Every structure is written in structure tokens, then in C-alpha cells.
């Protein structure tokens, strides 16, 4: 399947391709275009738009795009829910304090954007192991026995 979003990706637009390729589409093609061309390219290419205003897989009802994808594709996994919370905090400035890991993820994602600029496909390739590691950490974190409240 083809997926299309805005160019110059950072947090959500890199986390979403990781999520898509790991849990939804084993052979995705990601297109990064100027924001005013996303809908046109989606229609022309038969691509699924994400992380752009006014689409189902965008920021909707307080969710970031990562969370919208988890919801749409019914990915029931406590570790993904934990990761989604971190991505949300890193992506939504007003919610940076939602979890302590969000600020670290934001700093790392912005660092990749500084170093690799507009090369969105390279950022996906380089950051995917980071999301693999963070997901593994989330799996361990949610597996901990929590005291009753």
C-alpha cells in the first residue's frame, strides 16, 4: 500500500511509518510531499493520507496521528498504547509532560531532523531501530506488576 504525508517529517510522521510497517503493512511505500499536495497525491496515487489536517489518520479528537492509526486498525496492545502516549507527548507541545519519556523522544526526533534535514526516508530507516527499542521497553514497562490503587 502507499501512504502519503507532509514532507520534513519529525516525531509523528516518523513514528507512524514505523507503526505501519511493523503492524499493518509489511511492504509499505511512503510518500512525503508539500502539505498542500497531500490530498492530490493521495487521490492520484491511491495512497492513504496521514498526519495532515482533515484526514481520519491525523490529529482527531485530541489524538495524534499515531494514536489515530492504532485506533483505526484496532491494534490492541498495551505496549503500543504506552508507546502512543510517549509519541503523543513528544508530538503535541501542550502535552509534553504527559509522560517523562516524551521530552526525550522529542529531543531525539528533532536531532534527527537537524542532522538529516529533508531526507525523510533516511530518517525512517535510522529512527526505526529507536522505535523498536522503545517498543521493547514499553513491553517490559507494561508487564511490570503494578500495585493496586
N, C-alpha and C. Protein backbone atom coordinates (compact mmCIF):
# COMPACT_ATOMS: atom_id res chain seq x y z
N UNK A 1 0.84 -1.18 0.00
CA UNK A 1 0.00 0.00 0.00
C UNK A 1 0.88 1.24 0.00
N UNK A 2 0.32 2.32 -0.48
CA UNK A 2 1.01 3.62 -0.45
C UNK A 2 0.40 4.49 0.63
N UNK A 3 1.26 5.24 1.28
CA UNK A 3 0.88 6.13 2.36
C UNK A 3 1.50 7.48 2.05
N UNK A 4 0.77 8.55 2.29
CA UNK A 4 1.30 9.88 1.97
C UNK A 4 1.08 10.85 3.13
N UNK A 5 2.08 11.70 3.34
CA UNK A 5 2.01 12.71 4.38
C UNK A 5 2.86 13.90 3.99
N UNK A 6 2.93 14.85 4.89
CA UNK A 6 3.72 16.05 4.66
C UNK A 6 5.21 15.75 4.74
N UNK A 7 5.99 16.46 3.97
CA UNK A 7 7.44 16.33 3.99
C UNK A 7 8.02 16.95 5.25
N UNK A 8 9.34 16.79 5.42
CA UNK A 8 10.08 17.33 6.57
C UNK A 8 9.57 16.71 7.87
N UNK A 9 9.52 15.40 7.88
CA UNK A 9 8.97 14.64 9.00
C UNK A 9 9.80 14.76 10.26
N UNK A 10 9.07 14.74 11.37
CA UNK A 10 9.71 14.67 12.68
C UNK A 10 9.02 13.58 13.47
N UNK A 11 8.51 13.86 14.63
CA UNK A 11 8.04 12.82 15.56
C UNK A 11 6.96 11.92 14.97
N UNK A 12 5.75 12.43 14.83
CA UNK A 12 4.60 11.62 14.42
C UNK A 12 4.77 11.04 13.01
N UNK A 13 5.33 11.82 12.11
CA UNK A 13 5.47 11.37 10.72
C UNK A 13 6.62 10.39 10.53
N UNK A 14 7.38 10.12 11.57
CA UNK A 14 8.38 9.05 11.55
C UNK A 14 7.85 7.87 12.37
N UNK A 15 7.20 8.14 13.49
CA UNK A 15 6.63 7.07 14.30
C UNK A 15 5.54 6.32 13.54
N UNK A 16 4.73 7.04 12.77
CA UNK A 16 3.65 6.38 12.02
C UNK A 16 4.18 5.37 10.99
N UNK A 17 5.19 5.70 10.19
CA UNK A 17 5.73 4.69 9.28
C UNK A 17 6.28 3.46 10.02
N UNK A 18 6.89 3.69 11.18
CA UNK A 18 7.34 2.54 11.98
C UNK A 18 6.14 1.67 12.35
N UNK A 19 5.09 2.29 12.88
CA UNK A 19 3.89 1.57 13.29
C UNK A 19 3.26 0.83 12.10
N UNK A 20 3.12 1.52 11.00
CA UNK A 20 2.51 0.94 9.81
C UNK A 20 3.32 -0.27 9.32
N UNK A 21 4.62 -0.11 9.22
CA UNK A 21 5.43 -1.20 8.68
C UNK A 21 5.56 -2.38 9.63
N UNK A 22 5.44 -2.16 10.93
CA UNK A 22 5.56 -3.26 11.90
C UNK A 22 4.24 -3.99 12.15
N UNK A 23 3.10 -3.28 12.02
CA UNK A 23 1.84 -3.87 12.46
C UNK A 23 0.73 -3.88 11.41
N UNK A 24 0.87 -3.16 10.31
CA UNK A 24 -0.25 -3.02 9.38
C UNK A 24 0.10 -3.46 7.96
N UNK A 25 1.22 -3.00 7.46
CA UNK A 25 1.57 -3.17 6.05
C UNK A 25 3.04 -3.57 5.96
N UNK A 26 3.30 -4.82 5.64
CA UNK A 26 4.68 -5.32 5.64
C UNK A 26 5.51 -4.79 4.46
N UNK A 27 4.88 -4.21 3.45
CA UNK A 27 5.63 -3.68 2.30
C UNK A 27 5.10 -2.31 1.89
N UNK A 28 5.15 -1.34 2.82
CA UNK A 28 4.57 -0.02 2.52
C UNK A 28 5.49 0.83 1.66
N UNK A 29 4.87 1.77 0.97
CA UNK A 29 5.60 2.82 0.26
C UNK A 29 5.15 4.14 0.89
N UNK A 30 6.12 4.93 1.35
CA UNK A 30 5.80 6.20 1.98
C UNK A 30 6.17 7.35 1.05
N UNK A 31 5.22 8.24 0.86
CA UNK A 31 5.41 9.42 0.02
C UNK A 31 5.38 10.65 0.92
N UNK A 32 6.35 11.51 0.75
CA UNK A 32 6.43 12.76 1.51
C UNK A 32 6.37 13.91 0.51
N UNK A 33 5.36 14.75 0.69
CA UNK A 33 5.12 15.83 -0.27
C UNK A 33 4.80 17.12 0.48
N UNK A 34 4.84 18.27 -0.20
CA UNK A 34 4.41 19.51 0.45
C UNK A 34 2.97 19.35 0.97
N UNK A 35 2.69 19.97 2.11
CA UNK A 35 1.40 19.77 2.75
C UNK A 35 0.21 20.11 1.87
N UNK A 36 0.36 21.09 0.99
CA UNK A 36 -0.76 21.45 0.13
C UNK A 36 -0.98 20.47 -1.02
N UNK A 37 -0.13 19.45 -1.13
CA UNK A 37 -0.26 18.45 -2.19
C UNK A 37 -0.67 17.07 -1.69
N UNK A 38 -0.80 16.90 -0.38
CA UNK A 38 -1.09 15.58 0.18
C UNK A 38 -2.38 14.99 -0.39
N UNK A 39 -3.45 15.74 -0.38
CA UNK A 39 -4.74 15.21 -0.86
C UNK A 39 -4.69 14.86 -2.34
N UNK A 40 -4.08 15.72 -3.12
CA UNK A 40 -3.96 15.48 -4.55
C UNK A 40 -3.13 14.22 -4.83
N UNK A 41 -2.01 14.09 -4.16
CA UNK A 41 -1.16 12.91 -4.35
C UNK A 41 -1.87 11.66 -3.85
N UNK A 42 -2.58 11.75 -2.75
CA UNK A 42 -3.33 10.60 -2.22
C UNK A 42 -4.33 10.11 -3.26
N UNK A 43 -5.04 11.03 -3.87
CA UNK A 43 -6.04 10.65 -4.87
C UNK A 43 -5.37 10.08 -6.12
N UNK A 44 -4.35 10.74 -6.60
CA UNK A 44 -3.66 10.30 -7.83
C UNK A 44 -2.98 8.94 -7.64
N UNK A 45 -2.36 8.73 -6.49
CA UNK A 45 -1.58 7.51 -6.25
C UNK A 45 -2.38 6.41 -5.55
N UNK A 46 -3.60 6.72 -5.14
CA UNK A 46 -4.37 5.75 -4.37
C UNK A 46 -3.72 5.50 -3.01
N UNK A 47 -3.12 6.55 -2.46
CA UNK A 47 -2.39 6.44 -1.19
C UNK A 47 -3.28 6.85 -0.02
N UNK A 48 -2.95 6.33 1.14
CA UNK A 48 -3.67 6.66 2.37
C UNK A 48 -2.98 7.86 3.02
N UNK A 49 -3.69 8.98 3.18
CA UNK A 49 -3.07 10.14 3.82
C UNK A 49 -3.06 10.01 5.34
N UNK A 50 -1.97 10.50 5.93
CA UNK A 50 -1.89 10.51 7.40
C UNK A 50 -1.13 11.75 7.85
N UNK A 51 -1.37 12.12 9.08
CA UNK A 51 -0.76 13.28 9.74
C UNK A 51 -0.85 14.56 8.90
N UNK A 52 -2.03 14.81 8.45
CA UNK A 52 -2.34 16.06 7.76
C UNK A 52 -3.76 16.44 8.18
N UNK A 53 -4.04 17.72 8.23
CA UNK A 53 -5.35 18.18 8.68
C UNK A 53 -6.51 17.61 7.88
N UNK A 54 -7.58 17.28 8.58
CA UNK A 54 -8.81 16.87 7.94
C UNK A 54 -8.86 15.44 7.45
N UNK A 55 -7.92 14.59 7.87
CA UNK A 55 -7.98 13.19 7.45
C UNK A 55 -8.20 12.31 8.68
N UNK A 56 -8.73 11.13 8.44
CA UNK A 56 -9.04 10.20 9.52
C UNK A 56 -7.80 9.82 10.33
N UNK A 57 -6.66 9.68 9.66
CA UNK A 57 -5.43 9.26 10.34
C UNK A 57 -4.55 10.46 10.67
N UNK A 58 -5.18 11.49 11.18
CA UNK A 58 -4.48 12.71 11.58
C UNK A 58 -4.76 13.01 13.03
N UNK A 59 -4.55 14.25 13.39
CA UNK A 59 -4.86 14.71 14.75
C UNK A 59 -6.38 14.91 14.83
N UNK A 60 -7.04 13.99 15.52
CA UNK A 60 -8.51 14.00 15.60
C UNK A 60 -8.92 13.76 17.05
N UNK A 61 -9.84 14.54 17.54
CA UNK A 61 -10.40 14.37 18.89
C UNK A 61 -9.31 14.27 19.96
N UNK A 62 -8.28 15.08 19.84
CA UNK A 62 -7.22 15.11 20.83
C UNK A 62 -6.14 14.05 20.63
N UNK A 63 -6.31 13.20 19.63
CA UNK A 63 -5.31 12.17 19.35
C UNK A 63 -4.27 12.70 18.37
N UNK A 64 -3.05 12.17 18.46
CA UNK A 64 -2.07 12.41 17.40
C UNK A 64 -2.30 11.33 16.33
N UNK A 65 -1.61 11.44 15.22
CA UNK A 65 -1.82 10.51 14.11
C UNK A 65 -1.48 9.07 14.50
N UNK A 66 -0.42 8.87 15.26
CA UNK A 66 -0.04 7.54 15.73
C UNK A 66 -1.22 6.91 16.47
N UNK A 67 -1.83 7.66 17.36
CA UNK A 67 -2.98 7.16 18.12
C UNK A 67 -4.17 6.89 17.21
N UNK A 68 -4.38 7.73 16.22
CA UNK A 68 -5.48 7.52 15.28
C UNK A 68 -5.29 6.23 14.48
N UNK A 69 -4.05 5.93 14.13
CA UNK A 69 -3.76 4.69 13.39
C UNK A 69 -3.99 3.48 14.29
N UNK A 70 -3.52 3.55 15.54
CA UNK A 70 -3.74 2.46 16.49
C UNK A 70 -5.24 2.18 16.61
N UNK A 71 -6.03 3.24 16.74
CA UNK A 71 -7.48 3.10 16.88
C UNK A 71 -8.12 2.52 15.61
N UNK A 72 -7.82 3.10 14.45
CA UNK A 72 -8.41 2.68 13.18
C UNK A 72 -8.15 1.21 12.88
N UNK A 73 -6.92 0.77 13.12
CA UNK A 73 -6.55 -0.60 12.79
C UNK A 73 -6.69 -1.57 13.96
N UNK A 74 -7.35 -1.10 15.02
CA UNK A 74 -7.70 -1.93 16.17
C UNK A 74 -6.49 -2.71 16.69
N UNK A 75 -5.41 -1.99 16.92
CA UNK A 75 -4.19 -2.61 17.43
C UNK A 75 -4.25 -2.63 18.96
N UNK A 76 -4.76 -3.71 19.48
CA UNK A 76 -4.96 -3.85 20.92
C UNK A 76 -3.70 -4.44 21.55
N UNK A 77 -2.88 -3.57 22.09
CA UNK A 77 -1.59 -3.96 22.64
C UNK A 77 -1.21 -2.92 23.69
N UNK A 78 -1.15 -3.31 24.95
CA UNK A 78 -0.81 -2.34 26.00
C UNK A 78 0.53 -1.64 25.76
N UNK A 79 1.50 -2.34 25.19
CA UNK A 79 2.80 -1.71 24.93
C UNK A 79 2.67 -0.64 23.84
N UNK A 80 1.85 -0.90 22.83
CA UNK A 80 1.61 0.13 21.81
C UNK A 80 0.85 1.31 22.39
N UNK A 81 -0.06 1.05 23.31
CA UNK A 81 -0.77 2.14 23.98
C UNK A 81 0.22 3.01 24.76
N UNK A 82 1.16 2.37 25.42
CA UNK A 82 2.19 3.10 26.17
C UNK A 82 3.07 3.91 25.24
N UNK A 83 3.47 3.30 24.12
CA UNK A 83 4.28 4.00 23.12
C UNK A 83 3.49 5.15 22.52
N UNK A 84 2.21 4.94 22.26
CA UNK A 84 1.37 6.00 21.71
C UNK A 84 1.32 7.20 22.65
N UNK A 85 1.29 6.95 23.93
CA UNK A 85 1.28 8.04 24.91
C UNK A 85 2.59 8.84 24.82
N UNK A 86 3.70 8.15 24.65
CA UNK A 86 5.00 8.82 24.54
C UNK A 86 5.07 9.64 23.25
N UNK A 87 4.64 9.03 22.14
CA UNK A 87 4.64 9.73 20.85
C UNK A 87 3.73 10.96 20.93
N UNK A 88 2.56 10.79 21.52
CA UNK A 88 1.63 11.92 21.66
C UNK A 88 2.31 13.08 22.40
N UNK A 89 2.91 12.79 23.53
CA UNK A 89 3.56 13.85 24.31
C UNK A 89 4.70 14.51 23.56
N UNK A 90 5.45 13.72 22.78
CA UNK A 90 6.56 14.28 22.01
C UNK A 90 6.07 15.11 20.83
N UNK A 91 4.89 14.79 20.33
CA UNK A 91 4.38 15.45 19.13
C UNK A 91 3.49 16.65 19.43
N UNK A 92 2.77 16.62 20.52
CA UNK A 92 1.81 17.67 20.87
C UNK A 92 2.43 18.54 21.97
N UNK A 93 2.86 19.73 21.60
CA UNK A 93 3.59 20.60 22.53
C UNK A 93 2.88 20.78 23.86
N UNK A 94 1.58 20.95 23.83
CA UNK A 94 0.83 21.19 25.07
C UNK A 94 0.84 19.98 26.00
N UNK A 95 1.15 18.80 25.47
CA UNK A 95 1.11 17.57 26.26
C UNK A 95 2.49 16.96 26.51
N UNK A 96 3.54 17.75 26.36
CA UNK A 96 4.90 17.24 26.51
C UNK A 96 5.13 16.58 27.87
N UNK A 97 4.40 16.99 28.89
CA UNK A 97 4.58 16.44 30.23
C UNK A 97 3.68 15.24 30.52
N UNK A 98 3.02 14.71 29.50
CA UNK A 98 2.09 13.58 29.70
C UNK A 98 2.83 12.34 30.23
N UNK A 99 4.09 12.20 29.86
CA UNK A 99 4.93 11.11 30.32
C UNK A 99 6.38 11.58 30.26
N UNK A 100 7.21 11.17 31.19
CA UNK A 100 8.58 11.69 31.21
C UNK A 100 9.39 11.35 29.95
N UNK A 101 9.09 10.28 29.29
CA UNK A 101 9.84 9.86 28.11
C UNK A 101 9.56 10.74 26.89
N UNK A 102 8.45 11.46 26.89
CA UNK A 102 8.06 12.27 25.73
C UNK A 102 9.10 13.34 25.40
N UNK A 103 9.62 14.02 26.39
CA UNK A 103 10.61 15.08 26.13
C UNK A 103 11.88 14.50 25.52
N UNK A 104 12.29 13.33 25.98
CA UNK A 104 13.47 12.69 25.41
C UNK A 104 13.25 12.29 23.96
N UNK A 105 12.08 11.72 23.67
CA UNK A 105 11.78 11.33 22.29
C UNK A 105 11.74 12.56 21.39
N UNK A 106 11.14 13.63 21.88
CA UNK A 106 11.08 14.85 21.08
C UNK A 106 12.48 15.37 20.78
N UNK A 107 13.35 15.39 21.76
CA UNK A 107 14.72 15.87 21.56
C UNK A 107 15.45 15.00 20.53
N UNK A 108 15.30 13.70 20.64
CA UNK A 108 15.96 12.79 19.70
C UNK A 108 15.40 12.98 18.30
N UNK A 109 14.09 13.03 18.16
CA UNK A 109 13.46 13.20 16.85
C UNK A 109 13.88 14.51 16.19
N UNK A 110 13.90 15.57 16.97
CA UNK A 110 14.32 16.86 16.41
C UNK A 110 15.80 16.84 16.05
N UNK A 111 16.60 16.11 16.82
CA UNK A 111 18.01 15.95 16.49
C UNK A 111 18.20 15.25 15.15
N UNK A 112 17.44 14.19 14.92
CA UNK A 112 17.49 13.52 13.61
C UNK A 112 17.08 14.49 12.50
N UNK A 113 16.07 15.31 12.75
CA UNK A 113 15.63 16.28 11.74
C UNK A 113 16.72 17.32 11.46
N UNK A 114 17.44 17.72 12.49
CA UNK A 114 18.53 18.68 12.30
C UNK A 114 19.65 18.05 11.47
N UNK A 115 20.02 16.85 11.82
CA UNK A 115 21.15 16.18 11.16
C UNK A 115 20.81 15.75 9.72
N UNK A 116 19.58 15.28 9.51
CA UNK A 116 19.23 14.68 8.21
C UNK A 116 18.23 15.50 7.40
N UNK A 117 17.87 16.67 7.89
CA UNK A 117 17.06 17.62 7.14
C UNK A 117 15.82 17.04 6.50
N UNK A 118 15.73 17.18 5.20
CA UNK A 118 14.52 16.80 4.46
C UNK A 118 14.55 15.36 3.95
N UNK A 119 15.56 14.59 4.31
CA UNK A 119 15.65 13.21 3.83
C UNK A 119 14.78 12.31 4.72
N UNK A 120 13.48 12.36 4.47
CA UNK A 120 12.51 11.67 5.32
C UNK A 120 12.69 10.15 5.30
N UNK A 121 13.00 9.58 4.16
CA UNK A 121 13.19 8.13 4.10
C UNK A 121 14.41 7.68 4.91
N UNK A 122 15.46 8.46 4.90
CA UNK A 122 16.63 8.15 5.71
C UNK A 122 16.28 8.25 7.19
N UNK A 123 15.51 9.25 7.56
CA UNK A 123 15.10 9.38 8.97
C UNK A 123 14.29 8.16 9.41
N UNK A 124 13.41 7.66 8.55
CA UNK A 124 12.65 6.45 8.90
C UNK A 124 13.62 5.29 9.12
N UNK A 125 14.55 5.11 8.19
CA UNK A 125 15.50 4.00 8.30
C UNK A 125 16.34 4.09 9.57
N UNK A 126 16.80 5.28 9.89
CA UNK A 126 17.66 5.46 11.06
C UNK A 126 16.90 5.43 12.39
N UNK A 127 15.68 5.93 12.38
CA UNK A 127 14.92 6.00 13.63
C UNK A 127 14.12 4.75 13.93
N UNK A 128 13.88 3.90 12.94
CA UNK A 128 13.09 2.69 13.20
C UNK A 128 13.69 1.81 14.29
N UNK A 129 15.02 1.61 14.33
CA UNK A 129 15.57 0.84 15.46
C UNK A 129 15.32 1.51 16.82
N UNK A 130 15.27 2.83 16.84
CA UNK A 130 14.94 3.54 18.07
C UNK A 130 13.52 3.18 18.51
N UNK A 131 12.57 3.15 17.57
CA UNK A 131 11.20 2.79 17.92
C UNK A 131 11.09 1.32 18.27
N UNK A 132 11.88 0.46 17.63
CA UNK A 132 11.91 -0.96 18.03
C UNK A 132 12.34 -1.07 19.49
N UNK A 133 13.39 -0.34 19.85
CA UNK A 133 13.90 -0.38 21.22
C UNK A 133 12.91 0.23 22.21
N UNK A 134 12.30 1.33 21.84
CA UNK A 134 11.33 1.97 22.73
C UNK A 134 10.10 1.07 22.91
N UNK A 135 9.67 0.40 21.85
CA UNK A 135 8.55 -0.54 21.95
C UNK A 135 8.91 -1.70 22.88
N UNK A 136 10.14 -2.22 22.75
CA UNK A 136 10.59 -3.31 23.64
C UNK A 136 10.57 -2.83 25.09
N UNK A 137 11.02 -1.58 25.32
CA UNK A 137 10.98 -1.03 26.67
C UNK A 137 9.54 -0.92 27.16
N UNK A 138 8.64 -0.47 26.29
CA UNK A 138 7.22 -0.36 26.65
C UNK A 138 6.63 -1.73 27.00
N UNK A 139 7.02 -2.75 26.25
CA UNK A 139 6.53 -4.10 26.55
C UNK A 139 6.94 -4.51 27.96
N UNK A 140 8.18 -4.24 28.31
CA UNK A 140 8.66 -4.59 29.65
C UNK A 140 7.99 -3.71 30.70
N UNK A 141 7.82 -2.43 30.39
CA UNK A 141 7.22 -1.49 31.34
C UNK A 141 5.78 -1.87 31.68
N UNK A 142 4.99 -2.21 30.67
CA UNK A 142 3.59 -2.55 30.95
C UNK A 142 3.44 -3.93 31.58
N UNK A 143 4.47 -4.77 31.45
CA UNK A 143 4.41 -6.11 32.04
C UNK A 143 4.70 -6.10 33.54
N UNK A 144 5.28 -4.99 34.03
CA UNK A 144 5.56 -4.89 35.46
C UNK A 144 4.27 -5.02 36.26
N UNK A 145 4.35 -5.67 37.36
CA UNK A 145 3.19 -5.77 38.24
C UNK A 145 3.03 -4.43 38.93
N UNK A 146 1.91 -3.83 38.76
CA UNK A 146 1.64 -2.52 39.35
C UNK A 146 0.86 -2.71 40.66
N UNK A 147 1.17 -1.92 41.67
CA UNK A 147 0.39 -2.01 42.92
C UNK A 147 -1.04 -1.54 42.69
N UNK A 148 -1.94 -2.14 43.40
CA UNK A 148 -3.36 -1.74 43.31
C UNK A 148 -3.50 -0.31 43.82
N UNK A 149 -4.36 0.42 43.18
CA UNK A 149 -4.58 1.82 43.60
C UNK A 149 -5.76 1.93 44.52
